[in-house]
Amino acid sequence: SQHTRVSSPLLSRFDLIFVMLDSSDEMRDSRIASFLLNQSIQGSGLDVSSTVPNNNMEEFHHWSMEKLRGYISTVKERFHPTLSPEAALLLQRHYTRCRDTASYSQGNSP
């Protein structure tokens, strides 16, 4: 029970317990993310190349605005995502904070 963080009474109800470990590995995570993105926009002409060329994190490339807009458009068309009120509020607060920071860094008073 100490490795699974599940109480002993609950563990006693199962015959087998499989522990899955999720270790953090930037290059592996990037390859998985690229694979998942490619699967979601497959055939749209916006396929994602591996973001970690030659296993070197220093050569990381950001998407162009055109590719990002195309990806967002494809996701909207295929999955019809919705934004919860809580998420909308979080985005609004983050945007306001970013604008305040930009205004402050340009010498304007917050």
N, C-alpha and C. Protein backbone atom coordinates (compact mmCIF):
# COMPACT_ATOMS: atom_id res chain seq x y z
N SER A 1 0.82 -1.20 0.00
CA SER A 1 0.00 0.00 0.00
C SER A 1 0.86 1.26 0.00
N GLN A 2 2.11 1.17 0.45
CA GLN A 2 2.94 2.38 0.47
C GLN A 2 3.37 2.81 -0.92
N HIS A 3 3.47 1.88 -1.88
CA HIS A 3 3.88 2.22 -3.24
C HIS A 3 2.72 2.70 -4.09
N THR A 4 1.52 2.29 -3.76
CA THR A 4 0.36 2.65 -4.57
C THR A 4 -0.43 3.81 -3.99
N ARG A 5 -0.18 4.14 -2.75
CA ARG A 5 -0.91 5.20 -2.05
C ARG A 5 -2.40 4.90 -1.99
N VAL A 6 -2.73 3.62 -1.92
CA VAL A 6 -4.10 3.16 -1.78
C VAL A 6 -4.20 2.43 -0.45
N SER A 7 -5.27 2.65 0.27
CA SER A 7 -5.40 2.04 1.60
C SER A 7 -5.48 0.52 1.52
N SER A 8 -5.02 -0.13 2.57
CA SER A 8 -5.00 -1.59 2.63
C SER A 8 -6.37 -2.23 2.45
N PRO A 9 -7.44 -1.70 3.08
CA PRO A 9 -8.76 -2.32 2.87
C PRO A 9 -9.20 -2.31 1.40
N LEU A 10 -8.88 -1.26 0.70
CA LEU A 10 -9.23 -1.19 -0.72
C LEU A 10 -8.36 -2.14 -1.53
N LEU A 11 -7.08 -2.22 -1.21
CA LEU A 11 -6.18 -3.13 -1.92
C LEU A 11 -6.59 -4.59 -1.75
N SER A 12 -7.13 -4.93 -0.59
CA SER A 12 -7.50 -6.33 -0.32
C SER A 12 -8.64 -6.81 -1.23
N ARG A 13 -9.32 -5.92 -1.91
CA ARG A 13 -10.44 -6.30 -2.79
C ARG A 13 -9.99 -6.73 -4.18
N PHE A 14 -8.71 -6.57 -4.47
CA PHE A 14 -8.20 -6.88 -5.81
C PHE A 14 -7.26 -8.08 -5.75
N ASP A 15 -7.32 -8.90 -6.81
CA ASP A 15 -6.41 -10.05 -6.90
C ASP A 15 -5.04 -9.62 -7.40
N LEU A 16 -5.03 -8.72 -8.38
CA LEU A 16 -3.77 -8.24 -8.96
C LEU A 16 -3.76 -6.73 -8.99
N ILE A 17 -2.60 -6.16 -8.73
CA ILE A 17 -2.40 -4.72 -8.79
C ILE A 17 -1.23 -4.46 -9.73
N PHE A 18 -1.44 -3.69 -10.76
CA PHE A 18 -0.36 -3.32 -11.68
C PHE A 18 0.02 -1.88 -11.42
N VAL A 19 1.27 -1.66 -11.11
CA VAL A 19 1.77 -0.32 -10.85
C VAL A 19 2.36 0.23 -12.14
N MET A 20 1.89 1.41 -12.54
CA MET A 20 2.41 2.07 -13.73
C MET A 20 3.15 3.32 -13.28
N LEU A 21 4.40 3.40 -13.68
CA LEU A 21 5.21 4.55 -13.31
C LEU A 21 5.30 5.50 -14.49
N ASP A 22 5.18 6.77 -14.24
CA ASP A 22 5.28 7.79 -15.28
C ASP A 22 6.47 8.68 -14.95
N SER A 23 7.61 8.36 -15.52
CA SER A 23 8.79 9.16 -15.27
C SER A 23 8.84 10.30 -16.27
N SER A 24 9.45 11.40 -15.89
CA SER A 24 9.54 12.57 -16.73
C SER A 24 10.79 12.50 -17.61
N ASP A 25 10.59 12.57 -18.92
CA ASP A 25 11.68 12.55 -19.88
C ASP A 25 11.28 13.50 -21.01
N GLU A 26 11.93 14.66 -21.09
CA GLU A 26 11.54 15.70 -22.04
C GLU A 26 11.50 15.21 -23.48
N MET A 27 12.53 14.49 -23.91
CA MET A 27 12.57 14.04 -25.30
C MET A 27 11.47 13.03 -25.58
N ARG A 28 11.26 12.09 -24.68
CA ARG A 28 10.20 11.09 -24.87
C ARG A 28 8.84 11.76 -24.86
N ASP A 29 8.62 12.68 -23.92
CA ASP A 29 7.35 13.40 -23.85
C ASP A 29 7.09 14.20 -25.12
N SER A 30 8.13 14.81 -25.68
CA SER A 30 7.98 15.58 -26.91
C SER A 30 7.60 14.68 -28.08
N ARG A 31 8.23 13.50 -28.16
CA ARG A 31 7.89 12.57 -29.23
C ARG A 31 6.45 12.07 -29.10
N ILE A 32 6.02 11.81 -27.89
CA ILE A 32 4.64 11.37 -27.66
C ILE A 32 3.66 12.49 -28.05
N ALA A 33 3.97 13.72 -27.64
CA ALA A 33 3.11 14.85 -27.98
C ALA A 33 3.02 15.03 -29.49
N SER A 34 4.14 14.92 -30.20
CA SER A 34 4.13 15.04 -31.66
C SER A 34 3.27 13.94 -32.28
N PHE A 35 3.40 12.73 -31.78
CA PHE A 35 2.61 11.62 -32.29
C PHE A 35 1.12 11.89 -32.10
N LEU A 36 0.74 12.30 -30.90
CA LEU A 36 -0.68 12.56 -30.62
C LEU A 36 -1.22 13.70 -31.46
N LEU A 37 -0.42 14.76 -31.63
CA LEU A 37 -0.85 15.88 -32.47
C LEU A 37 -1.03 15.43 -33.91
N ASN A 38 -0.09 14.63 -34.41
CA ASN A 38 -0.20 14.12 -35.78
C ASN A 38 -1.46 13.28 -35.95
N GLN A 39 -1.80 12.48 -34.94
CA GLN A 39 -3.00 11.65 -35.04
C GLN A 39 -4.26 12.50 -35.10
N SER A 40 -4.27 13.62 -34.38
CA SER A 40 -5.49 14.43 -34.33
C SER A 40 -5.68 15.29 -35.56
N ILE A 41 -4.60 15.63 -36.28
CA ILE A 41 -4.75 16.49 -37.46
C ILE A 41 -4.32 15.77 -38.73
N GLN A 42 -4.28 14.46 -38.69
CA GLN A 42 -3.84 13.66 -39.83
C GLN A 42 -4.68 13.98 -41.07
N GLY A 43 -4.00 14.22 -42.17
CA GLY A 43 -4.68 14.49 -43.43
C GLY A 43 -5.04 15.93 -43.66
N SER A 44 -4.76 16.81 -42.70
CA SER A 44 -5.11 18.22 -42.86
C SER A 44 -4.01 19.01 -43.55
N GLY A 45 -2.86 18.37 -43.80
CA GLY A 45 -1.74 19.07 -44.41
C GLY A 45 -0.90 19.83 -43.41
N LEU A 46 -1.22 19.68 -42.14
CA LEU A 46 -0.50 20.41 -41.09
C LEU A 46 0.29 19.47 -40.20
N ASP A 47 0.63 18.28 -40.70
CA ASP A 47 1.29 17.30 -39.87
C ASP A 47 2.48 17.89 -39.14
N VAL A 48 2.64 17.47 -37.91
CA VAL A 48 3.68 17.98 -37.02
C VAL A 48 4.94 17.16 -37.20
N SER A 49 6.04 17.81 -37.55
CA SER A 49 7.30 17.08 -37.58
C SER A 49 7.76 16.91 -36.15
N SER A 50 8.63 15.98 -35.93
CA SER A 50 9.15 15.78 -34.58
C SER A 50 9.74 17.07 -34.08
N THR A 51 9.37 17.48 -32.87
CA THR A 51 9.86 18.73 -32.33
C THR A 51 11.23 18.58 -31.69
N VAL A 52 11.77 17.36 -31.69
CA VAL A 52 13.09 17.14 -31.11
C VAL A 52 13.98 16.50 -32.17
N PRO A 53 14.49 17.30 -33.12
CA PRO A 53 15.33 16.71 -34.16
C PRO A 53 16.63 16.17 -33.58
N ASN A 54 17.04 15.00 -34.04
CA ASN A 54 18.32 14.40 -33.64
C ASN A 54 18.49 14.28 -32.14
N ASN A 55 17.39 14.12 -31.41
CA ASN A 55 17.45 13.97 -29.94
C ASN A 55 18.20 15.11 -29.26
N ASN A 56 18.09 16.32 -29.76
CA ASN A 56 18.79 17.46 -29.20
C ASN A 56 17.79 18.53 -28.81
N MET A 57 17.56 18.73 -27.52
CA MET A 57 16.58 19.69 -27.05
C MET A 57 16.96 21.12 -27.40
N GLU A 58 18.25 21.40 -27.69
CA GLU A 58 18.67 22.75 -28.03
C GLU A 58 18.16 23.17 -29.40
N GLU A 59 17.76 22.20 -30.24
CA GLU A 59 17.26 22.50 -31.57
C GLU A 59 15.74 22.53 -31.61
N PHE A 60 15.09 22.78 -30.48
CA PHE A 60 13.64 22.81 -30.39
C PHE A 60 13.09 23.92 -31.27
N HIS A 61 12.07 23.60 -32.09
CA HIS A 61 11.49 24.59 -32.99
C HIS A 61 10.04 24.85 -32.61
N HIS A 62 9.68 26.12 -32.57
CA HIS A 62 8.29 26.50 -32.30
C HIS A 62 7.50 26.47 -33.60
N TRP A 63 6.21 26.30 -33.49
CA TRP A 63 5.34 26.31 -34.66
C TRP A 63 5.20 27.74 -35.18
N SER A 64 5.02 27.85 -36.47
CA SER A 64 4.73 29.16 -37.06
C SER A 64 3.28 29.52 -36.70
N MET A 65 2.94 30.80 -36.82
CA MET A 65 1.57 31.23 -36.54
C MET A 65 0.60 30.56 -37.50
N GLU A 66 1.01 30.37 -38.76
CA GLU A 66 0.14 29.73 -39.75
C GLU A 66 -0.20 28.29 -39.32
N LYS A 67 0.81 27.56 -38.88
CA LYS A 67 0.59 26.17 -38.45
C LYS A 67 -0.28 26.14 -37.19
N LEU A 68 -0.03 27.03 -36.24
CA LEU A 68 -0.82 27.07 -35.02
C LEU A 68 -2.27 27.41 -35.32
N ARG A 69 -2.51 28.40 -36.19
CA ARG A 69 -3.88 28.75 -36.57
C ARG A 69 -4.57 27.58 -37.26
N GLY A 70 -3.84 26.91 -38.15
CA GLY A 70 -4.39 25.75 -38.85
C GLY A 70 -4.75 24.63 -37.89
N TYR A 71 -3.88 24.39 -36.92
CA TYR A 71 -4.15 23.34 -35.93
C TYR A 71 -5.40 23.68 -35.12
N ILE A 72 -5.49 24.91 -34.65
CA ILE A 72 -6.65 25.32 -33.86
C ILE A 72 -7.93 25.21 -34.70
N SER A 73 -7.86 25.61 -35.96
CA SER A 73 -9.01 25.50 -36.85
C SER A 73 -9.43 24.04 -37.04
N THR A 74 -8.46 23.16 -37.25
CA THR A 74 -8.75 21.74 -37.44
C THR A 74 -9.39 21.15 -36.19
N VAL A 75 -8.85 21.48 -35.03
CA VAL A 75 -9.41 20.96 -33.77
C VAL A 75 -10.84 21.46 -33.58
N LYS A 76 -11.10 22.74 -33.89
CA LYS A 76 -12.45 23.28 -33.76
C LYS A 76 -13.43 22.54 -34.68
N GLU A 77 -13.00 22.29 -35.91
CA GLU A 77 -13.89 21.62 -36.88
C GLU A 77 -14.17 20.17 -36.49
N ARG A 78 -13.15 19.45 -36.03
CA ARG A 78 -13.30 18.02 -35.76
C ARG A 78 -13.88 17.70 -34.39
N PHE A 79 -13.54 18.49 -33.37
CA PHE A 79 -13.88 18.11 -32.01
C PHE A 79 -14.88 19.04 -31.33
N HIS A 80 -15.13 20.22 -31.90
CA HIS A 80 -16.09 21.18 -31.33
C HIS A 80 -15.88 21.39 -29.83
N PRO A 81 -14.68 21.84 -29.44
CA PRO A 81 -14.41 22.00 -28.00
C PRO A 81 -15.25 23.14 -27.41
N THR A 82 -15.52 23.03 -26.13
CA THR A 82 -16.23 24.09 -25.42
C THR A 82 -15.35 24.55 -24.26
N LEU A 83 -15.57 25.76 -23.84
CA LEU A 83 -14.80 26.36 -22.76
C LEU A 83 -15.72 26.54 -21.56
N SER A 84 -15.35 25.94 -20.44
CA SER A 84 -16.17 26.07 -19.24
C SER A 84 -16.05 27.50 -18.71
N PRO A 85 -17.02 27.95 -17.94
CA PRO A 85 -16.93 29.30 -17.35
C PRO A 85 -15.67 29.47 -16.50
N GLU A 86 -15.28 28.41 -15.78
CA GLU A 86 -14.09 28.50 -14.94
C GLU A 86 -12.83 28.69 -15.79
N ALA A 87 -12.75 27.94 -16.90
CA ALA A 87 -11.60 28.07 -17.80
C ALA A 87 -11.58 29.44 -18.45
N ALA A 88 -12.75 29.96 -18.83
CA ALA A 88 -12.84 31.29 -19.43
C ALA A 88 -12.33 32.35 -18.46
N LEU A 89 -12.72 32.23 -17.20
CA LEU A 89 -12.27 33.17 -16.18
C LEU A 89 -10.75 33.07 -15.98
N LEU A 90 -10.23 31.86 -15.96
CA LEU A 90 -8.79 31.66 -15.82
C LEU A 90 -8.04 32.31 -16.98
N LEU A 91 -8.51 32.10 -18.21
CA LEU A 91 -7.87 32.71 -19.37
C LEU A 91 -7.95 34.24 -19.32
N GLN A 92 -9.09 34.75 -18.90
CA GLN A 92 -9.27 36.19 -18.80
C GLN A 92 -8.28 36.79 -17.80
N ARG A 93 -8.14 36.15 -16.67
CA ARG A 93 -7.21 36.64 -15.65
C ARG A 93 -5.76 36.56 -16.14
N HIS A 94 -5.43 35.48 -16.82
CA HIS A 94 -4.06 35.34 -17.34
C HIS A 94 -3.78 36.41 -18.39
N TYR A 95 -4.73 36.64 -19.29
CA TYR A 95 -4.56 37.66 -20.33
C TYR A 95 -4.38 39.04 -19.70
N THR A 96 -5.21 39.36 -18.70
CA THR A 96 -5.09 40.64 -18.00
C THR A 96 -3.73 40.78 -17.34
N ARG A 97 -3.25 39.71 -16.70
CA ARG A 97 -1.95 39.73 -16.05
C ARG A 97 -0.83 39.94 -17.08
N CYS A 98 -0.93 39.26 -18.22
CA CYS A 98 0.07 39.43 -19.28
C CYS A 98 0.08 40.86 -19.79
N ARG A 99 -1.11 41.43 -19.99
CA ARG A 99 -1.21 42.81 -20.48
C ARG A 99 -0.65 43.79 -19.45
N ASP A 100 -0.95 43.56 -18.18
CA ASP A 100 -0.42 44.42 -17.12
C ASP A 100 1.10 44.35 -17.07
N THR A 101 1.65 43.15 -17.21
CA THR A 101 3.10 42.97 -17.19
C THR A 101 3.74 43.66 -18.38
N ALA A 102 3.14 43.52 -19.56
CA ALA A 102 3.67 44.17 -20.77
C ALA A 102 3.61 45.68 -20.64
N SER A 103 2.52 46.18 -20.10
CA SER A 103 2.36 47.62 -19.91
C SER A 103 3.39 48.15 -18.93
N TYR A 104 3.61 47.41 -17.85
CA TYR A 104 4.57 47.80 -16.82
C TYR A 104 5.99 47.80 -17.37
N SER A 105 6.33 46.79 -18.18
CA SER A 105 7.68 46.69 -18.73
C SER A 105 7.96 47.77 -19.76
N GLN A 106 6.92 48.37 -20.34
CA GLN A 106 7.10 49.44 -21.31
C GLN A 106 7.14 50.80 -20.64
N GLY A 107 7.08 50.82 -19.31
CA GLY A 107 7.20 52.06 -18.58
C GLY A 107 5.89 52.71 -18.22
N ASN A 108 4.79 52.13 -18.64
CA ASN A 108 3.49 52.66 -18.29
C ASN A 108 3.14 52.23 -16.88
N SER A 109 2.35 53.01 -16.19
CA SER A 109 1.97 52.63 -14.84
C SER A 109 0.90 51.55 -14.91
N PRO A 110 0.97 50.56 -14.01
CA PRO A 110 0.01 49.44 -14.04
C PRO A 110 -1.40 49.88 -13.75
